[in-house]
């Protein structure tokens, strides 16, 4: 069956965005709709100071979405709980639907649904 759409995932730093651009251009060449881009590892919230730290730069995927005129679907922070859940094969939305990380995934899913329906 034909690939009907793609979602590009990138971290915010330039080296990763270079690969994301290649993927976007490849999908455009072969006529696959790009539903949007998600920024992974966007920031880290420190356990001690509770502030966001933008370790890998800030808003790189958002700028790419604007440049390519594709939807920005959302961002996912670096998160220890998510890593533990992933290591156990336990989706965060199933483990704790009310957690901040689950809310991020729900927001992204809603944005994907909106992109599909446009």
PDB file of N, CA and C in Angstrom:
ATOM      1  N   UNK A   1       0.834  -1.181   0.000  1.00  0.00           N
ATOM      2  CA  UNK A   1       0.000   0.000   0.000  1.00  0.00           C
ATOM      3  C   UNK A   1       0.880   1.246   0.000  1.00  0.00           C
ATOM      4  N   UNK A   2       0.335   2.337  -0.489  1.00  0.00           N
ATOM      5  CA  UNK A   2       1.071   3.583  -0.647  1.00  0.00           C
ATOM      6  C   UNK A   2       1.201   4.315   0.683  1.00  0.00           C
ATOM      7  N   UNK A   3       2.361   4.892   0.912  1.00  0.00           N
ATOM      8  CA  UNK A   3       2.589   5.717   2.095  1.00  0.00           C
ATOM      9  C   UNK A   3       1.767   6.994   1.951  1.00  0.00           C
ATOM     10  N   UNK A   4       0.897   7.260   2.902  1.00  0.00           N
ATOM     11  CA  UNK A   4      -0.028   8.385   2.747  1.00  0.00           C
ATOM     12  C   UNK A   4       0.409   9.649   3.470  1.00  0.00           C
ATOM     13  N   UNK A   5       1.349   9.557   4.365  1.00  0.00           N
ATOM     14  CA  UNK A   5       1.801  10.742   5.083  1.00  0.00           C
ATOM     15  C   UNK A   5       3.010  10.436   5.938  1.00  0.00           C
ATOM     16  N   UNK A   6       3.724  11.496   6.315  1.00  0.00           N
ATOM     17  CA  UNK A   6       4.917  11.313   7.136  1.00  0.00           C
ATOM     18  C   UNK A   6       4.952  12.349   8.250  1.00  0.00           C
ATOM     19  N   UNK A   7       5.623  11.986   9.312  1.00  0.00           N
ATOM     20  CA  UNK A   7       5.886  12.894  10.424  1.00  0.00           C
ATOM     21  C   UNK A   7       7.401  12.897  10.600  1.00  0.00           C
ATOM     22  N   UNK A   8       7.974  14.077  10.607  1.00  0.00           N
ATOM     23  CA  UNK A   8       9.424  14.221  10.768  1.00  0.00           C
ATOM     24  C   UNK A   8       9.695  14.516  12.236  1.00  0.00           C
ATOM     25  N   UNK A   9      10.661  13.803  12.801  1.00  0.00           N
ATOM     26  CA  UNK A   9      11.060  14.004  14.196  1.00  0.00           C
ATOM     27  C   UNK A   9      12.515  14.440  14.197  1.00  0.00           C
ATOM     28  N   UNK A  10      12.807  15.490  14.944  1.00  0.00           N
ATOM     29  CA  UNK A  10      14.183  15.978  15.013  1.00  0.00           C
ATOM     30  C   UNK A  10      14.458  16.548  16.395  1.00  0.00           C
ATOM     31  N   UNK A  11      15.697  16.523  16.772  1.00  0.00           N
ATOM     32  CA  UNK A  11      16.117  17.281  17.940  1.00  0.00           C
ATOM     33  C   UNK A  11      16.439  18.697  17.447  1.00  0.00           C
ATOM     34  N   UNK A  12      16.571  19.668  18.340  1.00  0.00           N
ATOM     35  CA  UNK A  12      16.681  21.057  17.904  1.00  0.00           C
ATOM     36  C   UNK A  12      18.038  21.510  17.361  1.00  0.00           C
ATOM     37  N   UNK A  13      19.070  20.696  17.492  1.00  0.00           N
ATOM     38  CA  UNK A  13      20.390  21.185  17.069  1.00  0.00           C
ATOM     39  C   UNK A  13      20.595  21.046  15.563  1.00  0.00           C
ATOM     40  N   UNK A  14      21.477  21.855  15.041  1.00  0.00           N
ATOM     41  CA  UNK A  14      21.678  21.988  13.595  1.00  0.00           C
ATOM     42  C   UNK A  14      22.014  20.658  12.925  1.00  0.00           C
ATOM     43  N   UNK A  15      22.858  19.844  13.513  1.00  0.00           N
ATOM     44  CA  UNK A  15      23.255  18.587  12.864  1.00  0.00           C
ATOM     45  C   UNK A  15      22.042  17.679  12.646  1.00  0.00           C
ATOM     46  N   UNK A  16      21.117  17.646  13.591  1.00  0.00           N
ATOM     47  CA  UNK A  16      19.903  16.833  13.435  1.00  0.00           C
ATOM     48  C   UNK A  16      18.952  17.472  12.437  1.00  0.00           C
ATOM     49  N   UNK A  17      18.881  18.792  12.442  1.00  0.00           N
ATOM     50  CA  UNK A  17      17.986  19.489  11.515  1.00  0.00           C
ATOM     51  C   UNK A  17      18.429  19.311  10.067  1.00  0.00           C
ATOM     52  N   UNK A  18      19.713  19.152   9.856  1.00  0.00           N
ATOM     53  CA  UNK A  18      20.213  18.874   8.503  1.00  0.00           C
ATOM     54  C   UNK A  18      19.609  17.579   7.980  1.00  0.00           C
ATOM     55  N   UNK A  19      19.583  16.552   8.815  1.00  0.00           N
ATOM     56  CA  UNK A  19      18.961  15.280   8.424  1.00  0.00           C
ATOM     57  C   UNK A  19      17.456  15.432   8.239  1.00  0.00           C
ATOM     58  N   UNK A  20      16.823  16.216   9.094  1.00  0.00           N
ATOM     59  CA  UNK A  20      15.383  16.442   8.974  1.00  0.00           C
ATOM     60  C   UNK A  20      15.067  17.118   7.632  1.00  0.00           C
ATOM     61  N   UNK A  21      15.877  18.100   7.252  1.00  0.00           N
ATOM     62  CA  UNK A  21      15.676  18.777   5.958  1.00  0.00           C
ATOM     63  C   UNK A  21      15.781  17.790   4.805  1.00  0.00           C
ATOM     64  N   UNK A  22      16.763  16.891   4.885  1.00  0.00           N
ATOM     65  CA  UNK A  22      16.918  15.876   3.834  1.00  0.00           C
ATOM     66  C   UNK A  22      15.663  15.008   3.749  1.00  0.00           C
ATOM     67  N   UNK A  23      15.136  14.618   4.905  1.00  0.00           N
ATOM     68  CA  UNK A  23      13.922  13.813   4.935  1.00  0.00           C
ATOM     69  C   UNK A  23      12.732  14.561   4.360  1.00  0.00           C
ATOM     70  N   UNK A  24      12.583  15.815   4.731  1.00  0.00           N
ATOM     71  CA  UNK A  24      11.483  16.630   4.216  1.00  0.00           C
ATOM     72  C   UNK A  24      11.578  16.737   2.704  1.00  0.00           C
ATOM     73  N   UNK A  25      12.768  17.045   2.207  1.00  0.00           N
ATOM     74  CA  UNK A  25      12.958  17.181   0.755  1.00  0.00           C
ATOM     75  C   UNK A  25      12.710  15.859   0.023  1.00  0.00           C
ATOM     76  N   UNK A  26      13.126  14.739   0.631  1.00  0.00           N
ATOM     77  CA  UNK A  26      12.890  13.435   0.015  1.00  0.00           C
ATOM     78  C   UNK A  26      11.396  13.141  -0.073  1.00  0.00           C
ATOM     79  N   UNK A  27      10.658  13.382   1.029  1.00  0.00           N
ATOM     80  CA  UNK A  27       9.219  13.144   1.016  1.00  0.00           C
ATOM     81  C   UNK A  27       8.527  14.021  -0.020  1.00  0.00           C
ATOM     82  N   UNK A  28       8.961  15.266  -0.140  1.00  0.00           N
ATOM     83  CA  UNK A  28       8.360  16.158  -1.138  1.00  0.00           C
ATOM     84  C   UNK A  28       8.626  15.641  -2.556  1.00  0.00           C
ATOM     85  N   UNK A  29       9.847  15.166  -2.799  1.00  0.00           N
ATOM     86  CA  UNK A  29      10.200  14.649  -4.137  1.00  0.00           C
ATOM     87  C   UNK A  29       9.332  13.473  -4.551  1.00  0.00           C
ATOM     88  N   UNK A  30       9.031  12.600  -3.604  1.00  0.00           N
ATOM     89  CA  UNK A  30       8.264  11.399  -3.938  1.00  0.00           C
ATOM     90  C   UNK A  30       6.759  11.586  -3.708  1.00  0.00           C
ATOM     91  N   UNK A  31       6.351  12.805  -3.394  1.00  0.00           N
ATOM     92  CA  UNK A  31       4.937  13.121  -3.287  1.00  0.00           C
ATOM     93  C   UNK A  31       4.236  12.608  -2.043  1.00  0.00           C
ATOM     94  N   UNK A  32       4.986  12.417  -0.957  1.00  0.00           N
ATOM     95  CA  UNK A  32       4.379  11.986   0.305  1.00  0.00           C
ATOM     96  C   UNK A  32       4.078  13.234   1.138  1.00  0.00           C
ATOM     97  N   UNK A  33       2.828  13.359   1.559  1.00  0.00           N
ATOM     98  CA  UNK A  33       2.435  14.509   2.366  1.00  0.00           C
ATOM     99  C   UNK A  33       3.169  14.496   3.701  1.00  0.00           C
ATOM    100  N   UNK A  34       3.661  15.654   4.102  1.00  0.00           N
ATOM    101  CA  UNK A  34       4.314  15.795   5.402  1.00  0.00           C
ATOM    102  C   UNK A  34       3.287  16.382   6.357  1.00  0.00           C
ATOM    103  N   UNK A  35       2.888  15.587   7.334  1.00  0.00           N
ATOM    104  CA  UNK A  35       1.862  16.010   8.287  1.00  0.00           C
ATOM    105  C   UNK A  35       2.407  17.025   9.276  1.00  0.00           C
ATOM    106  N   UNK A  36       3.719  17.010   9.498  1.00  0.00           N
ATOM    107  CA  UNK A  36       4.323  17.971  10.403  1.00  0.00           C
ATOM    108  C   UNK A  36       5.624  17.480  10.970  1.00  0.00           C
ATOM    109  N   UNK A  37       6.153  18.293  11.877  1.00  0.00           N
ATOM    110  CA  UNK A  37       7.432  17.990  12.514  1.00  0.00           C
ATOM    111  C   UNK A  37       7.274  18.075  14.031  1.00  0.00           C
ATOM    112  N   UNK A  38       7.937  17.148  14.712  1.00  0.00           N
ATOM    113  CA  UNK A  38       7.955  17.089  16.173  1.00  0.00           C
ATOM    114  C   UNK A  38       9.394  17.316  16.622  1.00  0.00           C
ATOM    115  N   UNK A  39       9.545  18.115  17.665  1.00  0.00           N
ATOM    116  CA  UNK A  39      10.886  18.317  18.226  1.00  0.00           C
ATOM    117  C   UNK A  39      11.041  17.441  19.465  1.00  0.00           C
ATOM    118  N   UNK A  40      11.988  16.512  19.413  1.00  0.00           N
ATOM    119  CA  UNK A  40      12.291  15.627  20.532  1.00  0.00           C
ATOM    120  C   UNK A  40      13.479  16.200  21.300  1.00  0.00           C
ATOM    121  N   UNK A  41      13.554  15.908  22.589  1.00  0.00           N
ATOM    122  CA  UNK A  41      14.651  16.375  23.442  1.00  0.00           C
ATOM    123  C   UNK A  41      14.761  17.901  23.386  1.00  0.00           C
ATOM    124  N   UNK A  42      13.606  18.568  23.417  1.00  0.00           N
ATOM    125  CA  UNK A  42      13.544  20.021  23.297  1.00  0.00           C
ATOM    126  C   UNK A  42      14.217  20.738  24.453  1.00  0.00           C
ATOM    127  N   UNK A  43      14.016  20.215  25.634  1.00  0.00           N
ATOM    128  CA  UNK A  43      14.582  20.855  26.824  1.00  0.00           C
ATOM    129  C   UNK A  43      14.595  19.834  27.956  1.00  0.00           C
ATOM    130  N   UNK A  44      15.255  20.214  29.025  1.00  0.00           N
ATOM    131  CA  UNK A  44      15.327  19.385  30.226  1.00  0.00           C
ATOM    132  C   UNK A  44      14.885  20.253  31.392  1.00  0.00           C
ATOM    133  N   UNK A  45      13.980  19.743  32.227  1.00  0.00           N
ATOM    134  CA  UNK A  45      13.584  20.473  33.430  1.00  0.00           C
ATOM    135  C   UNK A  45      14.396  19.923  34.598  1.00  0.00           C
ATOM    136  N   UNK A  46      15.207  20.785  35.155  1.00  0.00           N
ATOM    137  CA  UNK A  46      16.121  20.408  36.239  1.00  0.00           C
ATOM    138  C   UNK A  46      15.350  20.027  37.500  1.00  0.00           C
ATOM    139  N   UNK A  47      15.770  18.916  38.122  1.00  0.00           N
ATOM    140  CA  UNK A  47      15.143  18.467  39.370  1.00  0.00           C
ATOM    141  C   UNK A  47      15.384  19.458  40.507  1.00  0.00           C
ATOM    142  N   UNK A  48      16.519  20.151  40.478  1.00  0.00           N
ATOM    143  CA  UNK A  48      16.878  21.044  41.584  1.00  0.00           C
ATOM    144  C   UNK A  48      16.267  22.434  41.461  1.00  0.00           C
ATOM    145  N   UNK A  49      16.339  23.024  40.264  1.00  0.00           N
ATOM    146  CA  UNK A  49      15.872  24.408  40.116  1.00  0.00           C
ATOM    147  C   UNK A  49      14.523  24.515  39.414  1.00  0.00           C
ATOM    148  N   UNK A  50      14.015  23.415  38.850  1.00  0.00           N
ATOM    149  CA  UNK A  50      12.720  23.368  38.175  1.00  0.00           C
ATOM    150  C   UNK A  50      12.636  24.300  36.965  1.00  0.00           C
ATOM    151  N   UNK A  51      13.790  24.649  36.386  1.00  0.00           N
ATOM    152  CA  UNK A  51      13.820  25.509  35.202  1.00  0.00           C
ATOM    153  C   UNK A  51      14.084  24.681  33.956  1.00  0.00           C
ATOM    154  N   UNK A  52      13.620  25.213  32.815  1.00  0.00           N
ATOM    155  CA  UNK A  52      13.886  24.570  31.529  1.00  0.00           C
ATOM    156  C   UNK A  52      15.298  24.913  31.079  1.00  0.00           C
ATOM    157  N   UNK A  53      16.034  23.886  30.689  1.00  0.00           N
ATOM    158  CA  UNK A  53      17.373  24.074  30.128  1.00  0.00           C
ATOM    159  C   UNK A  53      17.350  23.559  28.699  1.00  0.00           C
ATOM    160  N   UNK A  54      17.711  24.425  27.762  1.00  0.00           N
ATOM    161  CA  UNK A  54      17.690  24.086  26.348  1.00  0.00           C
ATOM    162  C   UNK A  54      19.076  23.596  25.941  1.00  0.00           C
ATOM    163  N   UNK A  55      19.338  22.346  26.242  1.00  0.00           N
ATOM    164  CA  UNK A  55      20.653  21.730  26.079  1.00  0.00           C
ATOM    165  C   UNK A  55      21.078  21.685  24.619  1.00  0.00           C
ATOM    166  N   UNK A  56      20.151  21.367  23.723  1.00  0.00           N
ATOM    167  CA  UNK A  56      20.477  21.159  22.312  1.00  0.00           C
ATOM    168  C   UNK A  56      20.021  22.308  21.423  1.00  0.00           C
ATOM    169  N   UNK A  57      19.931  23.519  21.973  1.00  0.00           N
ATOM    170  CA  UNK A  57      19.450  24.699  21.269  1.00  0.00           C
ATOM    171  C   UNK A  57      17.945  24.811  21.501  1.00  0.00           C
ATOM    172  N   UNK A  58      17.333  25.813  20.911  1.00  0.00           N
ATOM    173  CA  UNK A  58      15.919  26.078  21.204  1.00  0.00           C
ATOM    174  C   UNK A  58      15.154  26.348  19.909  1.00  0.00           C
ATOM    175  N   UNK A  59      14.016  25.687  19.778  1.00  0.00           N
ATOM    176  CA  UNK A  59      13.056  25.941  18.694  1.00  0.00           C
ATOM    177  C   UNK A  59      13.580  25.642  17.295  1.00  0.00           C
ATOM    178  N   UNK A  60      14.553  24.780  17.164  1.00  0.00           N
ATOM    179  CA  UNK A  60      15.086  24.439  15.840  1.00  0.00           C
ATOM    180  C   UNK A  60      14.035  23.820  14.936  1.00  0.00           C
ATOM    181  N   UNK A  61      13.268  22.886  15.447  1.00  0.00           N
ATOM    182  CA  UNK A  61      12.238  22.230  14.630  1.00  0.00           C
ATOM    183  C   UNK A  61      11.100  23.198  14.315  1.00  0.00           C
ATOM    184  N   UNK A  62      10.795  24.082  15.235  1.00  0.00           N
ATOM    185  CA  UNK A  62       9.768  25.091  14.988  1.00  0.00           C
ATOM    186  C   UNK A  62      10.174  25.989  13.818  1.00  0.00           C
ATOM    187  N   UNK A  63      11.422  26.425  13.804  1.00  0.00           N
ATOM    188  CA  UNK A  63      11.915  27.262  12.696  1.00  0.00           C
ATOM    189  C   UNK A  63      11.872  26.510  11.367  1.00  0.00           C
ATOM    190  N   UNK A  64      12.205  25.210  11.387  1.00  0.00           N
ATOM    191  CA  UNK A  64      12.148  24.405  10.156  1.00  0.00           C
ATOM    192  C   UNK A  64      10.706  24.275   9.669  1.00  0.00           C
ATOM    193  N   UNK A  65       9.787  24.072  10.600  1.00  0.00           N
ATOM    194  CA  UNK A  65       8.372  23.976  10.228  1.00  0.00           C
ATOM    195  C   UNK A  65       7.921  25.264   9.550  1.00  0.00           C
ATOM    196  N   UNK A  66       8.305  26.389  10.105  1.00  0.00           N
ATOM    197  CA  UNK A  66       7.937  27.680   9.514  1.00  0.00           C
ATOM    198  C   UNK A  66       8.579  27.848   8.144  1.00  0.00           C
ATOM    199  N   UNK A  67       9.850  27.465   8.036  1.00  0.00           N
ATOM    200  CA  UNK A  67      10.578  27.622   6.771  1.00  0.00           C
ATOM    201  C   UNK A  67       9.955  26.764   5.660  1.00  0.00           C
ATOM    202  N   UNK A  68       9.585  25.527   5.993  1.00  0.00           N
ATOM    203  CA  UNK A  68       9.016  24.605   5.004  1.00  0.00           C
ATOM    204  C   UNK A  68       7.489  24.727   4.891  1.00  0.00           C
ATOM    205  N   UNK A  69       6.899  25.587   5.731  1.00  0.00           N
ATOM    206  CA  UNK A  69       5.437  25.765   5.743  1.00  0.00           C
ATOM    207  C   UNK A  69       4.702  24.439   5.998  1.00  0.00           C
ATOM    208  N   UNK A  70       5.192  23.735   7.018  1.00  0.00           N
ATOM    209  CA  UNK A  70       4.544  22.509   7.472  1.00  0.00           C
ATOM    210  C   UNK A  70       4.163  22.699   8.942  1.00  0.00           C
ATOM    211  N   UNK A  71       3.163  21.975   9.429  1.00  0.00           N
ATOM    212  CA  UNK A  71       2.742  22.160  10.823  1.00  0.00           C
ATOM    213  C   UNK A  71       3.829  21.758  11.828  1.00  0.00           C
ATOM    214  N   UNK A  72       3.969  22.553  12.865  1.00  0.00           N
ATOM    215  CA  UNK A  72       4.774  22.162  14.021  1.00  0.00           C
ATOM    216  C   UNK A  72       3.822  21.441  14.954  1.00  0.00           C
ATOM    217  N   UNK A  73       4.088  20.166  15.202  1.00  0.00           N
ATOM    218  CA  UNK A  73       3.158  19.318  15.943  1.00  0.00           C
ATOM    219  C   UNK A  73       3.357  19.353  17.455  1.00  0.00           C
ATOM    220  N   UNK A  74       4.528  19.800  17.904  1.00  0.00           N
ATOM    221  CA  UNK A  74       4.782  19.870  19.336  1.00  0.00           C
ATOM    222  C   UNK A  74       6.189  19.452  19.678  1.00  0.00           C
ATOM    223  N   UNK A  75       6.476  19.525  20.968  1.00  0.00           N
ATOM    224  CA  UNK A  75       7.814  19.155  21.418  1.00  0.00           C
ATOM    225  C   UNK A  75       7.743  18.215  22.614  1.00  0.00           C
ATOM    226  N   UNK A  76       8.788  17.439  22.750  1.00  0.00           N
ATOM    227  CA  UNK A  76       8.891  16.462  23.831  1.00  0.00           C
ATOM    228  C   UNK A  76      10.187  16.751  24.592  1.00  0.00           C
ATOM    229  N   UNK A  77      10.098  16.947  25.895  1.00  0.00           N
ATOM    230  CA  UNK A  77      11.314  17.228  26.668  1.00  0.00           C
ATOM    231  C   UNK A  77      12.118  15.960  26.961  1.00  0.00           C
ATOM    232  N   UNK A  78      13.337  16.169  27.390  1.00  0.00           N
ATOM    233  CA  UNK A  78      14.126  15.072  27.964  1.00  0.00           C
ATOM    234  C   UNK A  78      13.488  14.792  29.323  1.00  0.00           C
ATOM    235  N   UNK A  79      13.176  13.539  29.597  1.00  0.00           N
ATOM    236  CA  UNK A  79      12.412  13.229  30.788  1.00  0.00           C
ATOM    237  C   UNK A  79      12.795  11.844  31.304  1.00  0.00           C
ATOM    238  N   UNK A  80      13.231  11.789  32.554  1.00  0.00           N
ATOM    239  CA  UNK A  80      13.663  10.511  33.137  1.00  0.00           C
ATOM    240  C   UNK A  80      12.532   9.494  33.213  1.00  0.00           C
ATOM    241  N   UNK A  81      11.346   9.951  33.568  1.00  0.00           N
ATOM    242  CA  UNK A  81      10.216   9.029  33.685  1.00  0.00           C
ATOM    243  C   UNK A  81       9.902   8.406  32.332  1.00  0.00           C
ATOM    244  N   UNK A  82       9.928   9.235  31.280  1.00  0.00           N
ATOM    245  CA  UNK A  82       9.692   8.731  29.929  1.00  0.00           C
ATOM    246  C   UNK A  82      10.745   7.688  29.553  1.00  0.00           C
ATOM    247  N   UNK A  83      11.989   7.942  29.920  1.00  0.00           N
ATOM    248  CA  UNK A  83      13.043   6.963  29.622  1.00  0.00           C
ATOM    249  C   UNK A  83      12.779   5.651  30.335  1.00  0.00           C
ATOM    250  N   UNK A  84      12.394   5.718  31.606  1.00  0.00           N
ATOM    251  CA  UNK A  84      12.087   4.490  32.354  1.00  0.00           C
ATOM    252  C   UNK A  84      10.904   3.755  31.731  1.00  0.00           C
ATOM    253  N   UNK A  85       9.863   4.499  31.359  1.00  0.00           N
ATOM    254  CA  UNK A  85       8.699   3.880  30.731  1.00  0.00           C
ATOM    255  C   UNK A  85       9.084   3.218  29.408  1.00  0.00           C
ATOM    256  N   UNK A  86       9.886   3.917  28.625  1.00  0.00           N
ATOM    257  CA  UNK A  86      10.313   3.386  27.329  1.00  0.00           C
ATOM    258  C   UNK A  86      11.144   2.125  27.505  1.00  0.00           C
ATOM    259  N   UNK A  87      12.051   2.132  28.487  1.00  0.00           N
ATOM    260  CA  UNK A  87      12.877   0.952  28.747  1.00  0.00           C
ATOM    261  C   UNK A  87      12.022  -0.260  29.120  1.00  0.00           C
ATOM    262  N   UNK A  88      10.891  -0.009  29.779  1.00  0.00           N
ATOM    263  CA  UNK A  88       9.989  -1.087  30.181  1.00  0.00           C
ATOM    264  C   UNK A  88       8.980  -1.444  29.080  1.00  0.00           C
ATOM    265  N   UNK A  89       8.991  -0.669  27.983  1.00  0.00           N
ATOM    266  CA  UNK A  89       8.016  -0.898  26.919  1.00  0.00           C
ATOM    267  C   UNK A  89       6.609  -0.489  27.322  1.00  0.00           C
ATOM    268  N   UNK A  90       6.528   0.470  28.230  1.00  0.00           N
ATOM    269  CA  UNK A  90       5.251   0.911  28.779  1.00  0.00           C
ATOM    270  C   UNK A  90       4.954   2.332  28.297  1.00  0.00           C
ATOM    271  N   UNK A  91       4.028   2.506  27.365  1.00  0.00           N
ATOM    272  CA  UNK A  91       3.712   3.859  26.891  1.00  0.00           C
ATOM    273  C   UNK A  91       3.275   4.768  28.045  1.00  0.00           C
ATOM    274  N   UNK A  92       3.795   5.988  28.062  1.00  0.00           N
ATOM    275  CA  UNK A  92       3.499   6.894  29.168  1.00  0.00           C
ATOM    276  C   UNK A  92       2.008   7.174  29.300  1.00  0.00           C
ATOM    277  N   UNK A  93       1.301   7.221  28.199  1.00  0.00           N
ATOM    278  CA  UNK A  93      -0.132   7.498  28.215  1.00  0.00           C
ATOM    279  C   UNK A  93      -0.907   6.381  28.922  1.00  0.00           C
ATOM    280  N   UNK A  94      -0.377   5.167  28.869  1.00  0.00           N
ATOM    281  CA  UNK A  94      -1.010   4.043  29.570  1.00  0.00           C
ATOM    282  C   UNK A  94      -0.576   4.034  31.034  1.00  0.00           C
ATOM    283  N   UNK A  95       0.688   4.356  31.285  1.00  0.00           N
ATOM    284  CA  UNK A  95       1.227   4.340  32.644  1.00  0.00           C
ATOM    285  C   UNK A  95       0.612   5.429  33.514  1.00  0.00           C
ATOM    286  N   UNK A  96       0.498   6.646  32.967  1.00  0.00           N
ATOM    287  CA  UNK A  96      -0.051   7.756  33.745  1.00  0.00           C
ATOM    288  C   UNK A  96      -0.602   8.807  32.787  1.00  0.00           C
ATOM    289  N   UNK A  97      -1.871   8.722  32.513  1.00  0.00           N
ATOM    290  CA  UNK A  97      -2.511   9.589  31.531  1.00  0.00           C
ATOM    291  C   UNK A  97      -2.471  11.061  31.931  1.00  0.00           C
ATOM    292  N   UNK A  98      -2.344  11.340  33.202  1.00  0.00           N
ATOM    293  CA  UNK A  98      -2.381  12.731  33.688  1.00  0.00           C
ATOM    294  C   UNK A  98      -0.992  13.359  33.799  1.00  0.00           C
ATOM    295  N   UNK A  99       0.063  12.625  33.510  1.00  0.00           N
ATOM    296  CA  UNK A  99       1.414  13.191  33.639  1.00  0.00           C
ATOM    297  C   UNK A  99       1.654  14.246  32.572  1.00  0.00           C
ATOM    298  N   UNK A 100       2.598  15.119  32.821  1.00  0.00           N
ATOM    299  CA  UNK A 100       2.931  16.188  31.863  1.00  0.00           C
ATOM    300  C   UNK A 100       3.412  15.603  30.537  1.00  0.00           C
ATOM    301  N   UNK A 101       4.181  14.538  30.592  1.00  0.00           N
ATOM    302  CA  UNK A 101       4.692  13.931  29.355  1.00  0.00           C
ATOM    303  C   UNK A 101       3.543  13.311  28.554  1.00  0.00           C
ATOM    304  N   UNK A 102       2.578  12.693  29.234  1.00  0.00           N
ATOM    305  CA  UNK A 102       1.410  12.138  28.535  1.00  0.00           C
ATOM    306  C   UNK A 102       0.615  13.255  27.871  1.00  0.00           C
ATOM    307  N   UNK A 103       0.478  14.368  28.554  1.00  0.00           N
ATOM    308  CA  UNK A 103      -0.239  15.516  27.981  1.00  0.00           C
ATOM    309  C   UNK A 103       0.459  16.024  26.724  1.00  0.00           C
ATOM    310  N   UNK A 104       1.784  15.964  26.699  1.00  0.00           N
ATOM    311  CA  UNK A 104       2.542  16.351  25.497  1.00  0.00           C
ATOM    312  C   UNK A 104       2.195  15.424  24.327  1.00  0.00           C
ATOM    313  N   UNK A 105       2.174  14.124  24.591  1.00  0.00           N
ATOM    314  CA  UNK A 105       1.848  13.164  23.530  1.00  0.00           C
ATOM    315  C   UNK A 105       0.403  13.324  23.051  1.00  0.00           C
ATOM    316  N   UNK A 106      -0.511  13.602  23.972  1.00  0.00           N
ATOM    317  CA  UNK A 106      -1.910  13.827  23.591  1.00  0.00           C
ATOM    318  C   UNK A 106      -2.013  15.073  22.713  1.00  0.00           C
ATOM    319  N   UNK A 107      -1.315  16.128  23.081  1.00  0.00           N
ATOM    320  CA  UNK A 107      -1.311  17.364  22.288  1.00  0.00           C
ATOM    321  C   UNK A 107      -0.779  17.099  20.874  1.00  0.00           C
ATOM    322  N   UNK A 108       0.312  16.355  20.781  1.00  0.00           N
ATOM    323  CA  UNK A 108       0.886  16.026  19.474  1.00  0.00           C
ATOM    324  C   UNK A 108      -0.098  15.184  18.662  1.00  0.00           C
ATOM    325  N   UNK A 109      -0.731  14.204  19.296  1.00  0.00           N
ATOM    326  CA  UNK A 109      -1.712  13.363  18.597  1.00  0.00           C
ATOM    327  C   UNK A 109      -2.875  14.206  18.066  1.00  0.00           C
ATOM    328  N   UNK A 110      -3.352  15.151  18.862  1.00  0.00           N
ATOM    329  CA  UNK A 110      -4.427  16.044  18.404  1.00  0.00           C
ATOM    330  C   UNK A 110      -3.961  16.886  17.217  1.00  0.00           C
ATOM    331  N   UNK A 111      -2.728  17.370  17.279  1.00  0.00           N
ATOM    332  CA  UNK A 111      -2.189  18.162  16.169  1.00  0.00           C
ATOM    333  C   UNK A 111      -2.033  17.332  14.899  1.00  0.00           C
ATOM    334  N   UNK A 112      -1.672  16.061  15.054  1.00  0.00           N
ATOM    335  CA  UNK A 112      -1.573  15.163  13.884  1.00  0.00           C
ATOM    336  C   UNK A 112      -2.957  14.965  13.279  1.00  0.00           C
ATOM    337  N   UNK A 113      -3.944  14.724  14.140  1.00  0.00           N
ATOM    338  CA  UNK A 113      -5.312  14.543  13.665  1.00  0.00           C
ATOM    339  C   UNK A 113      -5.793  15.787  12.918  1.00  0.00           C
ATOM    340  N   UNK A 114      -5.481  16.934  13.444  1.00  0.00           N
ATOM    341  CA  UNK A 114      -5.849  18.186  12.790  1.00  0.00           C
ATOM    342  C   UNK A 114      -5.150  18.322  11.442  1.00  0.00           C
ATOM    343  N   UNK A 115      -3.869  17.942  11.369  1.00  0.00           N
ATOM    344  CA  UNK A 115      -3.119  18.026  10.111  1.00  0.00           C
ATOM    345  C   UNK A 115      -3.706  17.069   9.068  1.00  0.00           C
ATOM    346  N   UNK A 116      -4.142  15.890   9.498  1.00  0.00           N
ATOM    347  CA  UNK A 116      -4.731  14.911   8.592  1.00  0.00           C
ATOM    348  C   UNK A 116      -6.062  15.432   8.029  1.00  0.00           C
ATOM    349  N   UNK A 117      -6.822  16.093   8.879  1.00  0.00           N
ATOM    350  CA  UNK A 117      -8.158  16.541   8.479  1.00  0.00           C
ATOM    351  C   UNK A 117      -8.163  17.857   7.715  1.00  0.00           C
ATOM    352  N   UNK A 118      -6.996  18.412   7.449  1.00  0.00           N
ATOM    353  CA  UNK A 118      -6.951  19.687   6.687  1.00  0.00           C
ATOM    354  C   UNK A 118      -6.642  19.443   5.253  1.00  0.00           C
TER     355      UNK A 118
END
